[in-house]
């Protein structure tokens, strides 16, 4: 794999703990504005909205200030700024008003901008609130341990909401670097067959398992080989949220250092006082225990 010079253009994609930068593509396109806004977290979204609001008011305040006494009772740039805030919000206090034809034209343009921006911001906030998301918890580690006499790759997931996720499908992909006979380095993707790849109702936890037999791409795997091949696991869950009746998805990536050999997940289920009442201790969801040694036969 050849080295690329350090460049600041392009798009950076986070793959687990690694980052890959796509060179030769612009960081931002006006066609992706909605997608970018929807991908922001709430703090970034509101910070951006405030910055846009202040910038628009500063632009219109400058236009008022450049006019020849365009606003009655305005004596400084700060007066123009606060008049712009009142106009954009369609809230007038009666102290300041447009004084010239130029001032009325700028105020008209700002009122139209305010009405349109209010509709856009309202729709964006509604879209973010109504967007269904999955609160799925992935175990910090995946383990490779014997199960029914066969080495098995295991990881577990949990639904952190009280509602069901219906018709959940899981997929597990092995990503590793390989050298071809011609000396080329390629990244290969292998679909790992799961013991159970579908669940009609996902409410509690789910242990996703792949048997490492002769047909598995991981057959004969060792910790050293996993590290040398820079192997990674990508798991994806898709299903239908019963509350929103909309499709949701979640994904997680395990690097080679996140995959533990000869370890198993601790039991997180316990019985309550009532025979039909169970407890699930998600505080121990990520805990591992050594695989118990078996006596020699």
C-alpha atoms as a PDB file:
ATOM      1  CA  UNK A   1       0.000   0.000   0.000  1.00  0.00           C
ATOM      2  CA  UNK A   2       1.629   3.255  -1.149  1.00  0.00           C
ATOM      3  CA  UNK A   3       1.869   6.294   1.062  1.00  0.00           C
ATOM      4  CA  UNK A   4      -0.010   9.446   0.161  1.00  0.00           C
ATOM      5  CA  UNK A   5       1.244  12.966   0.946  1.00  0.00           C
ATOM      6  CA  UNK A   6      -0.553  14.850   3.689  1.00  0.00           C
ATOM      7  CA  UNK A   7      -3.446  16.784   2.184  1.00  0.00           C
ATOM      8  CA  UNK A   8      -6.270  18.659   3.840  1.00  0.00           C
ATOM      9  CA  UNK A   9      -8.887  18.333   1.086  1.00  0.00           C
ATOM     10  CA  UNK A  10     -11.280  15.423   0.780  1.00  0.00           C
ATOM     11  CA  UNK A  11     -13.824  13.677   2.967  1.00  0.00           C
ATOM     12  CA  UNK A  12     -12.809  11.742   6.081  1.00  0.00           C
ATOM     13  CA  UNK A  13     -14.787   8.614   6.967  1.00  0.00           C
ATOM     14  CA  UNK A  14     -14.453   6.967  10.383  1.00  0.00           C
ATOM     15  CA  UNK A  15     -14.210   3.154  10.269  1.00  0.00           C
ATOM     16  CA  UNK A  16     -14.146   1.984  13.855  1.00  0.00           C
ATOM     17  CA  UNK A  17     -10.984   3.487  15.356  1.00  0.00           C
ATOM     18  CA  UNK A  18      -9.463   4.134  11.934  1.00  0.00           C
ATOM     19  CA  UNK A  19     -10.008   7.088   9.646  1.00  0.00           C
ATOM     20  CA  UNK A  20      -9.915   7.064   5.845  1.00  0.00           C
ATOM     21  CA  UNK A  21      -9.809  10.256   3.785  1.00  0.00           C
ATOM     22  CA  UNK A  22     -11.290  10.259   0.295  1.00  0.00           C
ATOM     23  CA  UNK A  23      -9.133  12.510  -1.872  1.00  0.00           C
ATOM     24  CA  UNK A  24     -10.329  14.156  -5.066  1.00  0.00           C
ATOM     25  CA  UNK A  25     -13.842  14.934  -3.813  1.00  0.00           C
ATOM     26  CA  UNK A  26     -15.025  18.236  -2.320  1.00  0.00           C
ATOM     27  CA  UNK A  27     -15.607  18.379   1.417  1.00  0.00           C
ATOM     28  CA  UNK A  28     -18.978  20.023   0.934  1.00  0.00           C
ATOM     29  CA  UNK A  29     -21.547  20.156  -1.820  1.00  0.00           C
ATOM     30  CA  UNK A  30     -24.680  22.263  -1.742  1.00  0.00           C
ATOM     31  CA  UNK A  31     -26.620  19.143  -2.765  1.00  0.00           C
ATOM     32  CA  UNK A  32     -25.559  17.472   0.505  1.00  0.00           C
ATOM     33  CA  UNK A  33     -26.594  20.331   2.797  1.00  0.00           C
ATOM     34  CA  UNK A  34     -29.691  18.547   4.137  1.00  0.00           C
ATOM     35  CA  UNK A  35     -27.757  15.308   4.723  1.00  0.00           C
ATOM     36  CA  UNK A  36     -25.006  17.218   6.544  1.00  0.00           C
ATOM     37  CA  UNK A  37     -27.485  19.040   8.790  1.00  0.00           C
ATOM     38  CA  UNK A  38     -29.304  15.807   9.656  1.00  0.00           C
ATOM     39  CA  UNK A  39     -26.011  14.094  10.547  1.00  0.00           C
ATOM     40  CA  UNK A  40     -25.035  16.743  13.121  1.00  0.00           C
ATOM     41  CA  UNK A  41     -25.595  16.125  16.806  1.00  0.00           C
ATOM     42  CA  UNK A  42     -27.966  18.415  18.700  1.00  0.00           C
ATOM     43  CA  UNK A  43     -25.201  20.668  20.081  1.00  0.00           C
ATOM     44  CA  UNK A  44     -23.678  21.181  16.631  1.00  0.00           C
ATOM     45  CA  UNK A  45     -27.125  21.743  15.115  1.00  0.00           C
ATOM     46  CA  UNK A  46     -28.163  24.487  17.556  1.00  0.00           C
ATOM     47  CA  UNK A  47     -24.694  26.084  17.495  1.00  0.00           C
ATOM     48  CA  UNK A  48     -24.880  26.231  13.706  1.00  0.00           C
ATOM     49  CA  UNK A  49     -28.406  27.652  13.800  1.00  0.00           C
ATOM     50  CA  UNK A  50     -27.313  30.410  16.199  1.00  0.00           C
ATOM     51  CA  UNK A  51     -24.299  31.240  14.021  1.00  0.00           C
ATOM     52  CA  UNK A  52     -26.481  31.486  10.904  1.00  0.00           C
ATOM     53  CA  UNK A  53     -29.004  33.654  12.777  1.00  0.00           C
ATOM     54  CA  UNK A  54     -26.311  36.055  13.991  1.00  0.00           C
ATOM     55  CA  UNK A  55     -24.673  36.208  10.572  1.00  0.00           C
ATOM     56  CA  UNK A  56     -27.946  37.073   8.835  1.00  0.00           C
ATOM     57  CA  UNK A  57     -28.644  39.821  11.362  1.00  0.00           C
ATOM     58  CA  UNK A  58     -25.135  41.206  10.967  1.00  0.00           C
ATOM     59  CA  UNK A  59     -25.566  41.336   7.178  1.00  0.00           C
ATOM     60  CA  UNK A  60     -28.889  43.190   7.377  1.00  0.00           C
ATOM     61  CA  UNK A  61     -27.591  45.471  10.143  1.00  0.00           C
ATOM     62  CA  UNK A  62     -24.721  46.443   7.854  1.00  0.00           C
ATOM     63  CA  UNK A  63     -27.163  47.210   5.048  1.00  0.00           C
ATOM     64  CA  UNK A  64     -29.225  49.438   7.372  1.00  0.00           C
ATOM     65  CA  UNK A  65     -26.070  51.136   8.662  1.00  0.00           C
ATOM     66  CA  UNK A  66     -24.848  51.883   5.124  1.00  0.00           C
ATOM     67  CA  UNK A  67     -28.077  53.734   4.322  1.00  0.00           C
ATOM     68  CA  UNK A  68     -28.420  57.447   5.025  1.00  0.00           C
ATOM     69  CA  UNK A  69     -30.415  57.410   8.297  1.00  0.00           C
ATOM     70  CA  UNK A  70     -32.478  54.451   7.053  1.00  0.00           C
ATOM     71  CA  UNK A  71     -33.917  53.828  10.561  1.00  0.00           C
ATOM     72  CA  UNK A  72     -35.617  56.336  12.835  1.00  0.00           C
ATOM     73  CA  UNK A  73     -33.966  56.799  16.262  1.00  0.00           C
ATOM     74  CA  UNK A  74     -30.974  54.624  15.298  1.00  0.00           C
ATOM     75  CA  UNK A  75     -27.658  56.202  16.308  1.00  0.00           C
ATOM     76  CA  UNK A  76     -25.143  53.363  16.255  1.00  0.00           C
ATOM     77  CA  UNK A  77     -24.470  50.032  14.567  1.00  0.00           C
ATOM     78  CA  UNK A  78     -25.835  48.228  17.633  1.00  0.00           C
ATOM     79  CA  UNK A  79     -29.193  49.948  17.084  1.00  0.00           C
ATOM     80  CA  UNK A  80     -29.216  48.678  13.492  1.00  0.00           C
ATOM     81  CA  UNK A  81     -28.376  45.174  14.702  1.00  0.00           C
ATOM     82  CA  UNK A  82     -31.177  45.032  17.264  1.00  0.00           C
ATOM     83  CA  UNK A  83     -33.638  46.520  14.782  1.00  0.00           C
ATOM     84  CA  UNK A  84     -32.629  43.713  12.423  1.00  0.00           C
ATOM     85  CA  UNK A  85     -33.308  41.149  15.167  1.00  0.00           C
ATOM     86  CA  UNK A  86     -36.764  42.643  15.769  1.00  0.00           C
ATOM     87  CA  UNK A  87     -37.553  42.733  12.032  1.00  0.00           C
ATOM     88  CA  UNK A  88     -36.353  39.181  11.376  1.00  0.00           C
ATOM     89  CA  UNK A  89     -38.513  37.933  14.258  1.00  0.00           C
ATOM     90  CA  UNK A  90     -41.434  40.142  13.143  1.00  0.00           C
ATOM     91  CA  UNK A  91     -41.467  41.710  16.632  1.00  0.00           C
ATOM     92  CA  UNK A  92     -41.526  45.512  16.682  1.00  0.00           C
ATOM     93  CA  UNK A  93     -41.330  47.620  19.851  1.00  0.00           C
ATOM     94  CA  UNK A  94     -42.294  50.923  18.212  1.00  0.00           C
ATOM     95  CA  UNK A  95     -39.094  52.770  19.073  1.00  0.00           C
ATOM     96  CA  UNK A  96     -37.360  52.265  15.713  1.00  0.00           C
ATOM     97  CA  UNK A  97     -38.856  52.006  12.236  1.00  0.00           C
ATOM     98  CA  UNK A  98     -37.714  52.357   8.621  1.00  0.00           C
ATOM     99  CA  UNK A  99     -37.273  56.045   7.771  1.00  0.00           C
ATOM    100  CA  UNK A 100     -36.481  55.991   4.042  1.00  0.00           C
ATOM    101  CA  UNK A 101     -37.452  54.098   0.914  1.00  0.00           C
ATOM    102  CA  UNK A 102     -34.114  52.302   1.103  1.00  0.00           C
ATOM    103  CA  UNK A 103     -34.844  51.294   4.709  1.00  0.00           C
ATOM    104  CA  UNK A 104     -38.286  49.957   3.755  1.00  0.00           C
ATOM    105  CA  UNK A 105     -36.756  47.891   0.913  1.00  0.00           C
ATOM    106  CA  UNK A 106     -34.166  46.324   3.228  1.00  0.00           C
ATOM    107  CA  UNK A 107     -36.839  45.642   5.873  1.00  0.00           C
ATOM    108  CA  UNK A 108     -39.058  43.981   3.258  1.00  0.00           C
ATOM    109  CA  UNK A 109     -36.199  41.739   2.131  1.00  0.00           C
ATOM    110  CA  UNK A 110     -35.439  40.832   5.737  1.00  0.00           C
ATOM    111  CA  UNK A 111     -39.070  40.010   6.552  1.00  0.00           C
ATOM    112  CA  UNK A 112     -39.222  37.653   3.565  1.00  0.00           C
ATOM    113  CA  UNK A 113     -35.933  36.082   4.683  1.00  0.00           C
ATOM    114  CA  UNK A 114     -37.294  35.679   8.194  1.00  0.00           C
ATOM    115  CA  UNK A 115     -40.485  33.954   7.054  1.00  0.00           C
ATOM    116  CA  UNK A 116     -38.593  31.539   4.801  1.00  0.00           C
ATOM    117  CA  UNK A 117     -35.889  30.785   7.378  1.00  0.00           C
ATOM    118  CA  UNK A 118     -38.520  30.157  10.064  1.00  0.00           C
ATOM    119  CA  UNK A 119     -40.169  27.557   7.832  1.00  0.00           C
ATOM    120  CA  UNK A 120     -36.815  25.898   7.073  1.00  0.00           C
ATOM    121  CA  UNK A 121     -35.666  25.794  10.706  1.00  0.00           C
ATOM    122  CA  UNK A 122     -39.056  24.479  11.855  1.00  0.00           C
ATOM    123  CA  UNK A 123     -38.974  21.662   9.287  1.00  0.00           C
ATOM    124  CA  UNK A 124     -35.394  20.727  10.205  1.00  0.00           C
ATOM    125  CA  UNK A 125     -36.163  20.588  13.929  1.00  0.00           C
ATOM    126  CA  UNK A 126     -39.275  18.492  13.273  1.00  0.00           C
ATOM    127  CA  UNK A 127     -37.331  16.149  10.980  1.00  0.00           C
ATOM    128  CA  UNK A 128     -34.647  15.643  13.630  1.00  0.00           C
ATOM    129  CA  UNK A 129     -37.202  14.971  16.362  1.00  0.00           C
ATOM    130  CA  UNK A 130     -39.224  12.586  14.199  1.00  0.00           C
ATOM    131  CA  UNK A 131     -36.208  10.682  12.857  1.00  0.00           C
ATOM    132  CA  UNK A 132     -36.311   7.136  14.302  1.00  0.00           C
ATOM    133  CA  UNK A 133     -33.082   5.947  15.887  1.00  0.00           C
ATOM    134  CA  UNK A 134     -32.030   2.637  17.384  1.00  0.00           C
ATOM    135  CA  UNK A 135     -30.633   2.503  20.917  1.00  0.00           C
ATOM    136  CA  UNK A 136     -28.739  -0.742  20.443  1.00  0.00           C
ATOM    137  CA  UNK A 137     -25.859  -1.589  22.745  1.00  0.00           C
ATOM    138  CA  UNK A 138     -22.946  -3.530  21.263  1.00  0.00           C
ATOM    139  CA  UNK A 139     -20.513  -5.425  23.464  1.00  0.00           C
ATOM    140  CA  UNK A 140     -17.087  -3.822  23.710  1.00  0.00           C
ATOM    141  CA  UNK A 141     -15.423  -7.064  22.671  1.00  0.00           C
ATOM    142  CA  UNK A 142     -16.111 -10.070  20.499  1.00  0.00           C
ATOM    143  CA  UNK A 143     -14.879 -13.447  21.741  1.00  0.00           C
ATOM    144  CA  UNK A 144     -13.707 -16.682  20.138  1.00  0.00           C
ATOM    145  CA  UNK A 145     -14.432 -19.617  22.405  1.00  0.00           C
ATOM    146  CA  UNK A 146     -15.499 -23.268  22.034  1.00  0.00           C
ATOM    147  CA  UNK A 147     -19.241 -23.847  21.736  1.00  0.00           C
ATOM    148  CA  UNK A 148     -20.559 -27.389  21.333  1.00  0.00           C
ATOM    149  CA  UNK A 149     -16.988 -28.473  20.624  1.00  0.00           C
ATOM    150  CA  UNK A 150     -16.453 -25.992  17.765  1.00  0.00           C
ATOM    151  CA  UNK A 151     -14.587 -22.654  18.014  1.00  0.00           C
ATOM    152  CA  UNK A 152     -17.225 -19.969  17.719  1.00  0.00           C
ATOM    153  CA  UNK A 153     -17.050 -16.229  17.239  1.00  0.00           C
ATOM    154  CA  UNK A 154     -19.525 -14.482  19.537  1.00  0.00           C
ATOM    155  CA  UNK A 155     -20.668 -10.951  20.193  1.00  0.00           C
ATOM    156  CA  UNK A 156     -23.812  -9.689  21.825  1.00  0.00           C
ATOM    157  CA  UNK A 157     -26.174  -6.802  21.402  1.00  0.00           C
ATOM    158  CA  UNK A 158     -28.956  -5.397  23.568  1.00  0.00           C
ATOM    159  CA  UNK A 159     -32.056  -3.305  22.943  1.00  0.00           C
ATOM    160  CA  UNK A 160     -31.945  -0.422  25.442  1.00  0.00           C
ATOM    161  CA  UNK A 161     -35.525   0.671  24.817  1.00  0.00           C
ATOM    162  CA  UNK A 162     -38.688  -0.856  26.281  1.00  0.00           C
ATOM    163  CA  UNK A 163     -40.266  -1.251  22.837  1.00  0.00           C
ATOM    164  CA  UNK A 164     -39.713  -4.097  20.392  1.00  0.00           C
ATOM    165  CA  UNK A 165     -37.669  -3.989  17.215  1.00  0.00           C
ATOM    166  CA  UNK A 166     -39.438  -6.217  14.724  1.00  0.00           C
ATOM    167  CA  UNK A 167     -37.969  -8.455  12.014  1.00  0.00           C
ATOM    168  CA  UNK A 168     -34.363  -7.737  12.943  1.00  0.00           C
ATOM    169  CA  UNK A 169     -31.675  -8.998  10.564  1.00  0.00           C
ATOM    170  CA  UNK A 170     -27.994  -9.202  11.454  1.00  0.00           C
ATOM    171  CA  UNK A 171     -25.022  -9.380   9.129  1.00  0.00           C
ATOM    172  CA  UNK A 172     -21.386  -9.933  10.066  1.00  0.00           C
ATOM    173  CA  UNK A 173     -18.530  -9.208   7.687  1.00  0.00           C
ATOM    174  CA  UNK A 174     -14.827  -9.989   8.074  1.00  0.00           C
ATOM    175  CA  UNK A 175     -12.492  -7.331   6.672  1.00  0.00           C
ATOM    176  CA  UNK A 176      -8.836  -8.223   6.239  1.00  0.00           C
ATOM    177  CA  UNK A 177      -5.817  -7.258   4.163  1.00  0.00           C
ATOM    178  CA  UNK A 178      -4.409  -9.864   1.794  1.00  0.00           C
ATOM    179  CA  UNK A 179      -1.416 -10.092  -0.511  1.00  0.00           C
ATOM    180  CA  UNK A 180      -2.091 -11.419  -4.021  1.00  0.00           C
ATOM    181  CA  UNK A 181       0.423 -13.666  -5.824  1.00  0.00           C
ATOM    182  CA  UNK A 182       1.321 -10.611  -7.939  1.00  0.00           C
ATOM    183  CA  UNK A 183       2.343  -8.670  -4.840  1.00  0.00           C
ATOM    184  CA  UNK A 184      -0.719  -6.438  -4.670  1.00  0.00           C
ATOM    185  CA  UNK A 185      -2.247  -5.554  -1.299  1.00  0.00           C
ATOM    186  CA  UNK A 186      -6.042  -5.747  -1.274  1.00  0.00           C
ATOM    187  CA  UNK A 187      -8.745  -5.353   1.335  1.00  0.00           C
ATOM    188  CA  UNK A 188     -11.092  -8.331   1.213  1.00  0.00           C
ATOM    189  CA  UNK A 189     -14.627  -8.625   2.593  1.00  0.00           C
ATOM    190  CA  UNK A 190     -16.016 -12.002   3.673  1.00  0.00           C
ATOM    191  CA  UNK A 191     -19.600 -12.610   4.768  1.00  0.00           C
ATOM    192  CA  UNK A 192     -19.673 -14.736   7.927  1.00  0.00           C
ATOM    193  CA  UNK A 193     -22.567 -17.159   8.183  1.00  0.00           C
ATOM    194  CA  UNK A 194     -24.458 -16.769  11.438  1.00  0.00           C
ATOM    195  CA  UNK A 195     -26.112 -19.403  13.551  1.00  0.00           C
ATOM    196  CA  UNK A 196     -29.207 -17.196  13.591  1.00  0.00           C
ATOM    197  CA  UNK A 197     -29.282 -14.135  11.359  1.00  0.00           C
ATOM    198  CA  UNK A 198     -32.892 -13.083  12.014  1.00  0.00           C
ATOM    199  CA  UNK A 199     -35.029 -12.413  15.040  1.00  0.00           C
ATOM    200  CA  UNK A 200     -38.779 -11.758  14.740  1.00  0.00           C
ATOM    201  CA  UNK A 201     -38.824  -9.647  17.920  1.00  0.00           C
ATOM    202  CA  UNK A 202     -35.768  -8.067  19.538  1.00  0.00           C
ATOM    203  CA  UNK A 203     -36.566  -6.851  23.037  1.00  0.00           C
ATOM    204  CA  UNK A 204     -33.726  -7.927  25.379  1.00  0.00           C
ATOM    205  CA  UNK A 205     -30.346  -9.246  24.238  1.00  0.00           C
ATOM    206  CA  UNK A 206     -29.088 -11.261  21.317  1.00  0.00           C
ATOM    207  CA  UNK A 207     -25.873 -13.263  21.132  1.00  0.00           C
ATOM    208  CA  UNK A 208     -24.671 -13.314  17.537  1.00  0.00           C
ATOM    209  CA  UNK A 209     -22.567 -16.401  16.760  1.00  0.00           C
ATOM    210  CA  UNK A 210     -20.487 -17.668  13.843  1.00  0.00           C
ATOM    211  CA  UNK A 211     -19.106 -21.238  13.841  1.00  0.00           C
ATOM    212  CA  UNK A 212     -15.449 -21.341  12.811  1.00  0.00           C
ATOM    213  CA  UNK A 213     -15.461 -24.626  10.917  1.00  0.00           C
ATOM    214  CA  UNK A 214     -13.800 -25.753   7.669  1.00  0.00           C
ATOM    215  CA  UNK A 215     -16.109 -23.483   5.641  1.00  0.00           C
ATOM    216  CA  UNK A 216     -15.351 -20.362   7.664  1.00  0.00           C
ATOM    217  CA  UNK A 217     -12.878 -17.690   6.471  1.00  0.00           C
ATOM    218  CA  UNK A 218     -11.605 -17.678  10.077  1.00  0.00           C
ATOM    219  CA  UNK A 219     -10.767 -21.403  10.125  1.00  0.00           C
ATOM    220  CA  UNK A 220      -7.498 -21.952  11.990  1.00  0.00           C
ATOM    221  CA  UNK A 221      -7.286 -18.316  13.055  1.00  0.00           C
ATOM    222  CA  UNK A 222      -4.786 -17.300  15.750  1.00  0.00           C
ATOM    223  CA  UNK A 223      -4.318 -13.986  17.582  1.00  0.00           C
ATOM    224  CA  UNK A 224      -1.051 -13.421  15.705  1.00  0.00           C
ATOM    225  CA  UNK A 225      -2.633 -14.027  12.296  1.00  0.00           C
ATOM    226  CA  UNK A 226      -5.511 -11.711  13.179  1.00  0.00           C
ATOM    227  CA  UNK A 227      -3.097  -8.938  14.096  1.00  0.00           C
ATOM    228  CA  UNK A 228      -0.856  -9.419  11.054  1.00  0.00           C
ATOM    229  CA  UNK A 229      -3.862  -9.356   8.719  1.00  0.00           C
ATOM    230  CA  UNK A 230      -5.311  -6.288  10.461  1.00  0.00           C
ATOM    231  CA  UNK A 231      -8.616  -8.134  10.625  1.00  0.00           C
ATOM    232  CA  UNK A 232     -11.785  -6.285  11.530  1.00  0.00           C
ATOM    233  CA  UNK A 233     -15.393  -7.240  12.012  1.00  0.00           C
ATOM    234  CA  UNK A 234     -18.325  -5.120  10.850  1.00  0.00           C
ATOM    235  CA  UNK A 235     -21.738  -5.968  12.258  1.00  0.00           C
ATOM    236  CA  UNK A 236     -24.973  -4.378  11.041  1.00  0.00           C
ATOM    237  CA  UNK A 237     -28.491  -4.688  12.459  1.00  0.00           C
ATOM    238  CA  UNK A 238     -31.612  -3.564  10.612  1.00  0.00           C
ATOM    239  CA  UNK A 239     -35.224  -3.808  11.707  1.00  0.00           C
ATOM    240  CA  UNK A 240     -38.574  -2.068  12.150  1.00  0.00           C
ATOM    241  CA  UNK A 241     -39.323   0.082  15.160  1.00  0.00           C
ATOM    242  CA  UNK A 242     -42.802  -0.848  16.408  1.00  0.00           C
ATOM    243  CA  UNK A 243     -43.510   2.663  17.737  1.00  0.00           C
ATOM    244  CA  UNK A 244     -42.564   4.637  14.619  1.00  0.00           C
ATOM    245  CA  UNK A 245     -43.328   1.817  12.151  1.00  0.00           C
ATOM    246  CA  UNK A 246     -40.132   2.865  10.382  1.00  0.00           C
ATOM    247  CA  UNK A 247     -36.902   1.128   9.459  1.00  0.00           C
ATOM    248  CA  UNK A 248     -33.950   1.623  11.792  1.00  0.00           C
ATOM    249  CA  UNK A 249     -30.369   0.396  11.675  1.00  0.00           C
ATOM    250  CA  UNK A 250     -27.250   0.259  13.796  1.00  0.00           C
ATOM    251  CA  UNK A 251     -23.666  -0.739  13.089  1.00  0.00           C
ATOM    252  CA  UNK A 252     -20.449  -1.395  14.963  1.00  0.00           C
ATOM    253  CA  UNK A 253     -16.854  -2.255  14.095  1.00  0.00           C
ATOM    254  CA  UNK A 254     -14.476  -4.492  16.029  1.00  0.00           C
ATOM    255  CA  UNK A 255     -10.738  -4.117  15.441  1.00  0.00           C
ATOM    256  CA  UNK A 256      -8.404  -7.077  15.922  1.00  0.00           C
ATOM    257  CA  UNK A 257      -7.523  -5.926  19.436  1.00  0.00           C
ATOM    258  CA  UNK A 258     -11.217  -6.005  20.345  1.00  0.00           C
ATOM    259  CA  UNK A 259     -11.460  -9.756  19.647  1.00  0.00           C
ATOM    260  CA  UNK A 260     -10.584 -11.910  22.658  1.00  0.00           C
ATOM    261  CA  UNK A 261      -9.603 -15.593  22.479  1.00  0.00           C
ATOM    262  CA  UNK A 262     -10.661 -18.192  25.069  1.00  0.00           C
ATOM    263  CA  UNK A 263     -12.959 -15.764  26.839  1.00  0.00           C
ATOM    264  CA  UNK A 264     -16.730 -15.859  27.273  1.00  0.00           C
ATOM    265  CA  UNK A 265     -19.465 -13.427  28.196  1.00  0.00           C
ATOM    266  CA  UNK A 266     -20.728 -13.541  31.756  1.00  0.00           C
ATOM    267  CA  UNK A 267     -24.364 -14.418  32.369  1.00  0.00           C
ATOM    268  CA  UNK A 268     -26.440 -11.285  32.872  1.00  0.00           C
ATOM    269  CA  UNK A 269     -29.820 -12.961  33.467  1.00  0.00           C
ATOM    270  CA  UNK A 270     -31.097 -13.685  36.960  1.00  0.00           C
ATOM    271  CA  UNK A 271     -34.422 -14.795  38.388  1.00  0.00           C
ATOM    272  CA  UNK A 272     -36.613 -12.591  40.542  1.00  0.00           C
ATOM    273  CA  UNK A 273     -38.889 -13.449  43.428  1.00  0.00           C
ATOM    274  CA  UNK A 274     -41.647 -14.361  41.011  1.00  0.00           C
ATOM    275  CA  UNK A 275     -40.827 -17.425  38.886  1.00  0.00           C
ATOM    276  CA  UNK A 276     -41.788 -15.574  35.706  1.00  0.00           C
ATOM    277  CA  UNK A 277     -39.848 -12.419  36.532  1.00  0.00           C
ATOM    278  CA  UNK A 278     -36.316 -12.120  35.129  1.00  0.00           C
ATOM    279  CA  UNK A 279     -33.672  -9.440  35.530  1.00  0.00           C
ATOM    280  CA  UNK A 280     -31.133  -8.419  32.889  1.00  0.00           C
ATOM    281  CA  UNK A 281     -28.097  -6.677  34.351  1.00  0.00           C
ATOM    282  CA  UNK A 282     -26.813  -4.466  31.534  1.00  0.00           C
ATOM    283  CA  UNK A 283     -24.184  -3.072  33.912  1.00  0.00           C
ATOM    284  CA  UNK A 284     -22.332  -6.370  33.347  1.00  0.00           C
ATOM    285  CA  UNK A 285     -23.124  -6.500  29.644  1.00  0.00           C
ATOM    286  CA  UNK A 286     -19.483  -6.052  28.573  1.00  0.00           C
ATOM    287  CA  UNK A 287     -17.890  -8.264  31.248  1.00  0.00           C
ATOM    288  CA  UNK A 288     -15.849 -11.271  30.171  1.00  0.00           C
ATOM    289  CA  UNK A 289     -14.693 -14.343  32.051  1.00  0.00           C
ATOM    290  CA  UNK A 290     -11.936 -16.858  31.237  1.00  0.00           C
ATOM    291  CA  UNK A 291     -13.076 -19.998  29.505  1.00  0.00           C
ATOM    292  CA  UNK A 292     -13.062 -22.742  32.171  1.00  0.00           C
ATOM    293  CA  UNK A 293     -10.398 -25.365  31.583  1.00  0.00           C
ATOM    294  CA  UNK A 294     -11.672 -28.823  30.804  1.00  0.00           C
ATOM    295  CA  UNK A 295     -10.186 -31.837  32.608  1.00  0.00           C
ATOM    296  CA  UNK A 296      -8.097 -34.199  30.519  1.00  0.00           C
ATOM    297  CA  UNK A 297     -10.021 -37.216  29.291  1.00  0.00           C
END
